Protein backbone atom coordinates (compact mmCIF):
# COMPACT_ATOMS: atom_id res chain seq x y z
CA MET A 1 -137.84 -52.82 -9.43
CA ALA A 2 -134.40 -51.94 -10.70
CA ALA A 3 -132.68 -54.46 -12.96
CA PRO A 4 -129.86 -56.50 -11.38
CA ARG A 5 -126.83 -54.20 -11.40
CA HIS A 6 -124.47 -57.18 -11.66
CA HIS A 7 -125.86 -58.06 -15.06
CA LEU A 8 -125.95 -54.48 -16.30
CA THR A 9 -122.25 -53.91 -15.74
CA LYS A 10 -120.99 -56.76 -17.94
CA PRO A 11 -122.14 -60.04 -19.48
CA TYR A 12 -121.88 -62.94 -17.04
CA TYR A 13 -120.98 -66.38 -18.27
CA ALA A 14 -120.57 -69.62 -16.37
CA VAL A 15 -117.35 -70.38 -14.54
CA TRP A 16 -115.39 -72.50 -17.02
CA TRP A 17 -115.23 -75.68 -14.96
CA ILE A 18 -118.97 -75.53 -14.23
CA ALA A 19 -119.72 -74.92 -17.92
CA ALA A 20 -117.70 -78.06 -18.68
CA LEU A 21 -120.14 -80.00 -16.45
CA HIS A 22 -123.37 -78.60 -17.89
CA ASP A 23 -124.19 -81.94 -19.52
CA ASP A 24 -123.63 -83.85 -16.27
CA ALA A 25 -127.04 -84.02 -14.58
CA ASP A 26 -125.69 -85.32 -11.27
CA ALA A 27 -123.07 -82.58 -11.12
CA MET A 28 -125.75 -79.95 -11.77
CA ARG A 29 -127.85 -81.33 -8.93
CA ARG A 30 -124.94 -81.11 -6.50
CA LEU A 31 -123.89 -77.64 -7.59
CA ALA A 32 -127.42 -76.19 -7.69
CA VAL A 33 -127.67 -76.44 -3.90
CA SER A 34 -124.34 -74.68 -3.28
CA PRO A 35 -124.47 -71.68 -0.91
CA ASN A 36 -122.09 -69.94 -3.31
CA LEU A 37 -124.02 -67.54 -5.57
CA ARG A 38 -121.46 -67.63 -8.35
CA ILE A 39 -121.79 -71.40 -8.57
CA ARG A 40 -125.59 -71.34 -8.69
CA ARG A 41 -125.54 -68.58 -11.29
CA SER A 42 -123.14 -70.66 -13.39
CA VAL A 43 -125.45 -73.65 -13.17
CA ALA A 44 -128.33 -71.45 -14.33
CA ARG A 45 -126.37 -70.68 -17.51
CA ALA A 46 -126.73 -74.31 -18.69
CA PRO A 47 -128.76 -74.61 -21.92
CA TYR A 48 -130.60 -77.66 -20.55
CA LEU A 49 -131.09 -78.91 -16.98
CA PRO A 50 -132.90 -81.78 -15.24
CA PRO A 51 -136.49 -80.86 -14.24
CA ASP A 52 -135.72 -80.95 -10.51
CA VAL A 53 -132.77 -78.57 -10.93
CA VAL A 54 -134.87 -76.21 -13.05
CA GLU A 55 -137.57 -76.16 -10.38
CA LEU A 56 -135.02 -75.53 -7.64
CA LEU A 57 -133.34 -72.63 -9.45
CA ALA A 58 -136.68 -71.18 -10.56
CA HIS A 59 -137.39 -70.56 -6.87
CA ASP A 60 -133.89 -69.42 -5.93
CA GLU A 61 -133.84 -66.49 -3.52
CA ASP A 62 -131.34 -64.71 -5.78
CA ARG A 63 -133.20 -63.12 -8.67
CA VAL A 64 -130.06 -63.02 -10.81
CA VAL A 65 -130.05 -66.83 -10.69
CA ARG A 66 -133.65 -66.74 -11.89
CA LEU A 67 -132.79 -64.20 -14.57
CA PHE A 68 -129.89 -66.30 -15.90
CA LEU A 69 -132.14 -69.36 -16.00
CA THR A 70 -134.64 -67.52 -18.25
CA GLU A 71 -131.89 -66.19 -20.50
CA SER A 72 -129.87 -69.37 -20.98
CA CYS A 73 -131.92 -72.46 -20.18
CA ASP A 74 -134.48 -73.70 -22.69
CA ASP A 75 -136.20 -75.57 -19.85
CA ALA A 76 -137.14 -72.44 -17.89
CA PRO A 77 -140.85 -72.65 -16.95
CA ALA A 78 -143.51 -70.24 -18.17
CA TYR A 79 -144.34 -68.89 -14.70
CA LEU A 80 -140.72 -67.87 -14.17
CA LEU A 81 -140.50 -66.24 -17.60
CA LEU A 82 -143.52 -64.11 -16.74
CA GLU A 83 -142.09 -63.19 -13.36
CA VAL A 84 -138.78 -62.06 -14.87
CA TRP A 85 -140.57 -60.26 -17.73
CA SER A 86 -142.38 -58.14 -15.14
CA TRP A 87 -139.11 -56.46 -14.11
CA TRP A 88 -136.52 -57.19 -16.83
CA SER A 89 -136.61 -55.59 -20.28
CA GLY A 90 -133.71 -57.57 -21.78
CA SER A 91 -130.02 -57.12 -22.49
CA PHE A 92 -127.68 -56.89 -25.47
CA SER A 93 -126.03 -60.16 -24.43
CA PHE A 94 -129.29 -62.11 -24.63
CA PRO A 95 -131.57 -60.09 -26.93
CA GLY A 96 -135.25 -60.85 -26.73
CA ARG A 97 -135.12 -62.93 -23.56
CA PRO A 98 -137.27 -63.71 -21.74
CA ARG A 99 -139.97 -62.60 -24.22
CA ASN A 100 -138.74 -64.78 -27.12
CA HIS A 101 -138.06 -67.84 -24.95
CA PRO A 102 -139.74 -70.95 -26.44
CA ASN A 103 -141.72 -71.47 -23.23
CA PHE A 104 -142.99 -67.90 -22.94
CA PRO A 105 -146.82 -67.93 -22.96
CA ARG A 106 -148.29 -67.02 -26.35
CA HIS A 107 -151.95 -67.85 -25.77
CA ASP A 108 -154.52 -67.17 -23.05
CA LEU A 109 -152.96 -63.75 -22.50
CA LEU A 110 -156.25 -61.84 -22.30
CA ARG A 111 -156.43 -62.88 -18.65
CA PHE A 112 -153.68 -60.32 -17.99
CA ALA A 113 -155.65 -57.34 -19.34
CA GLU A 114 -156.35 -56.08 -15.82
CA ASP A 115 -153.17 -57.25 -14.15
CA PRO A 116 -151.80 -54.68 -11.67
CA GLN A 117 -148.30 -54.96 -13.17
CA PRO A 118 -148.07 -52.86 -16.38
CA ARG A 119 -145.55 -55.08 -18.17
CA ILE A 120 -147.76 -58.10 -17.57
CA ARG A 121 -150.90 -56.17 -18.49
CA LEU A 122 -149.62 -55.14 -21.92
CA LEU A 123 -149.09 -58.79 -22.90
CA ALA A 124 -152.84 -59.07 -23.43
CA LEU A 125 -152.45 -57.30 -26.78
CA ASP A 126 -150.32 -60.22 -28.02
CA ASP A 127 -153.14 -62.70 -27.56
CA PRO A 128 -154.47 -63.85 -30.96
CA ALA A 129 -157.97 -63.16 -29.63
CA SER A 130 -157.25 -59.56 -28.65
CA SER A 131 -159.29 -56.85 -30.33
CA ALA A 132 -159.14 -53.25 -31.48
CA SER A 133 -161.32 -52.31 -28.51
CA LEU A 134 -158.59 -53.55 -26.16
CA VAL A 135 -156.06 -51.41 -28.04
CA GLU A 136 -158.32 -48.39 -27.51
CA TRP A 137 -158.72 -49.19 -23.83
CA PHE A 138 -154.97 -49.51 -23.37
CA SER A 139 -154.41 -46.25 -25.25
CA ARG A 140 -155.82 -44.53 -22.14
CA ASP A 141 -153.98 -46.66 -19.61
CA PRO A 142 -152.36 -44.68 -16.75
CA ASP A 143 -149.02 -46.42 -17.38
CA ALA A 144 -146.84 -45.11 -20.21
CA GLN A 145 -145.50 -48.59 -21.05
CA VAL A 146 -149.01 -49.83 -21.76
CA ARG A 147 -149.97 -46.71 -23.73
CA SER A 148 -146.78 -47.06 -25.78
CA ARG A 149 -147.66 -50.66 -26.63
CA ALA A 150 -151.12 -49.50 -27.75
CA ALA A 151 -149.60 -46.60 -29.70
CA ASP A 152 -147.51 -49.11 -31.65
CA ASP A 153 -150.45 -51.33 -32.55
CA PRO A 154 -151.72 -51.04 -36.17
CA ARG A 155 -155.29 -51.56 -34.92
CA LEU A 156 -155.19 -48.22 -33.12
CA SER A 157 -157.88 -45.82 -34.34
CA PRO A 158 -156.77 -42.68 -36.25
CA GLU A 159 -158.28 -40.50 -33.52
CA SER A 160 -156.33 -42.22 -30.77
CA ALA A 161 -153.14 -42.17 -32.84
CA ALA A 162 -153.49 -38.41 -33.23
CA ARG A 163 -154.09 -38.04 -29.50
CA LEU A 164 -151.14 -40.21 -28.48
CA ALA A 165 -148.85 -38.36 -30.90
CA HIS A 166 -148.96 -35.57 -28.30
CA ASP A 167 -148.79 -37.79 -25.20
CA ALA A 168 -146.80 -36.58 -22.20
CA ASP A 169 -144.41 -39.54 -22.52
CA HIS A 170 -141.86 -39.37 -25.35
CA HIS A 171 -141.91 -43.14 -25.96
CA VAL A 172 -145.67 -43.04 -26.46
CA ARG A 173 -145.40 -40.02 -28.75
CA ARG A 174 -142.72 -41.69 -30.88
CA SER A 175 -144.73 -44.88 -31.30
CA ALA A 176 -147.89 -43.00 -32.27
CA ARG A 177 -146.07 -40.73 -34.71
CA GLN A 178 -144.68 -43.77 -36.51
CA ASN A 179 -147.98 -45.69 -36.54
CA PRO A 180 -149.52 -45.95 -40.03
CA ALA A 181 -152.92 -45.42 -38.38
CA LEU A 182 -152.00 -41.77 -37.88
CA PRO A 183 -154.13 -39.77 -40.37
CA PRO A 184 -152.43 -37.38 -42.86
CA LYS A 185 -154.11 -34.33 -41.30
CA ALA A 186 -152.32 -35.16 -38.03
CA LEU A 187 -149.10 -36.44 -39.61
CA ILE A 188 -148.26 -33.50 -41.88
CA PRO A 189 -148.09 -30.88 -39.09
CA LEU A 190 -145.73 -33.20 -37.22
CA LEU A 191 -143.49 -33.38 -40.30
CA LEU A 192 -143.35 -29.58 -40.39
CA ASP A 193 -142.36 -29.26 -36.74
CA GLU A 194 -138.64 -29.81 -36.11
CA ARG A 195 -139.44 -31.21 -32.67
CA SER A 196 -141.46 -34.08 -34.12
CA ALA A 197 -140.23 -34.34 -37.73
CA GLU A 198 -137.66 -37.08 -37.09
CA ASP A 199 -140.26 -39.42 -35.59
CA ALA A 200 -142.98 -38.57 -38.10
CA ALA A 201 -140.64 -39.05 -41.06
CA GLN A 202 -140.45 -42.75 -40.18
CA ASN A 203 -144.18 -43.22 -40.62
CA PRO A 204 -144.81 -45.56 -43.59
CA SER A 205 -148.11 -43.87 -44.44
CA ILE A 206 -146.64 -40.51 -45.49
CA PRO A 207 -148.62 -39.43 -48.59
CA THR A 208 -146.63 -39.79 -51.81
CA PRO A 209 -146.83 -36.07 -52.79
CA VAL A 210 -145.58 -35.12 -49.32
CA MET A 211 -142.72 -37.60 -49.59
CA HIS A 212 -141.70 -36.18 -52.99
CA ARG A 213 -141.76 -32.68 -51.52
CA MET A 214 -139.56 -33.79 -48.61
CA ILE A 215 -137.06 -35.36 -51.02
CA SER A 216 -136.97 -32.16 -53.13
CA LEU A 217 -136.34 -29.99 -50.09
CA ALA A 218 -133.61 -32.33 -48.83
CA ALA A 219 -131.92 -32.42 -52.26
CA ALA A 220 -131.91 -28.62 -52.44
CA ARG A 221 -129.89 -28.45 -49.23
CA VAL A 222 -127.20 -30.87 -50.35
């Protein structure tokens, strides 16, 4: 699904007079049932809301209302955060949301390993009980988002890192080329190729002699 165009064009904040009532629970209850979208979206920008208002807005037919609730309200429920995460990658106005929301699930994520939605599926790697074998499995996932998440994981095997460094998707390639799991025999050729050198140069496992040689060559061109 495409992200809400309204939110992409400019940051949206609550209408001033509604923001002034954010601490008034009764006012929020009355306004949350308004047929006016702008009013409901402004209510969703409240940092805290009564449980019944949160539940009402979490099921609002307008997904921008639901998005604003996950970005602004610390009471947003876990099921809504997951739903929004499945189609929203975040914004500059609210960096990290909904992923860094205090109610975002952080355990029991392995149950999503076979979820049909790629962005939900990749969350399984964040489960404390996840394993290197899951990283390897995801490294061959048909979806580039999932492969990119695996390519960024330090548990990735050297062989898979070398394979993903030449993946068809540029995000996957970049992640693999910067992964310290990438072995020197695969990393050095990438450093010598101008098409991949910029990504590979950010790999923290560059051998010290190679790094000194890179610095010498750079200094000679200054």
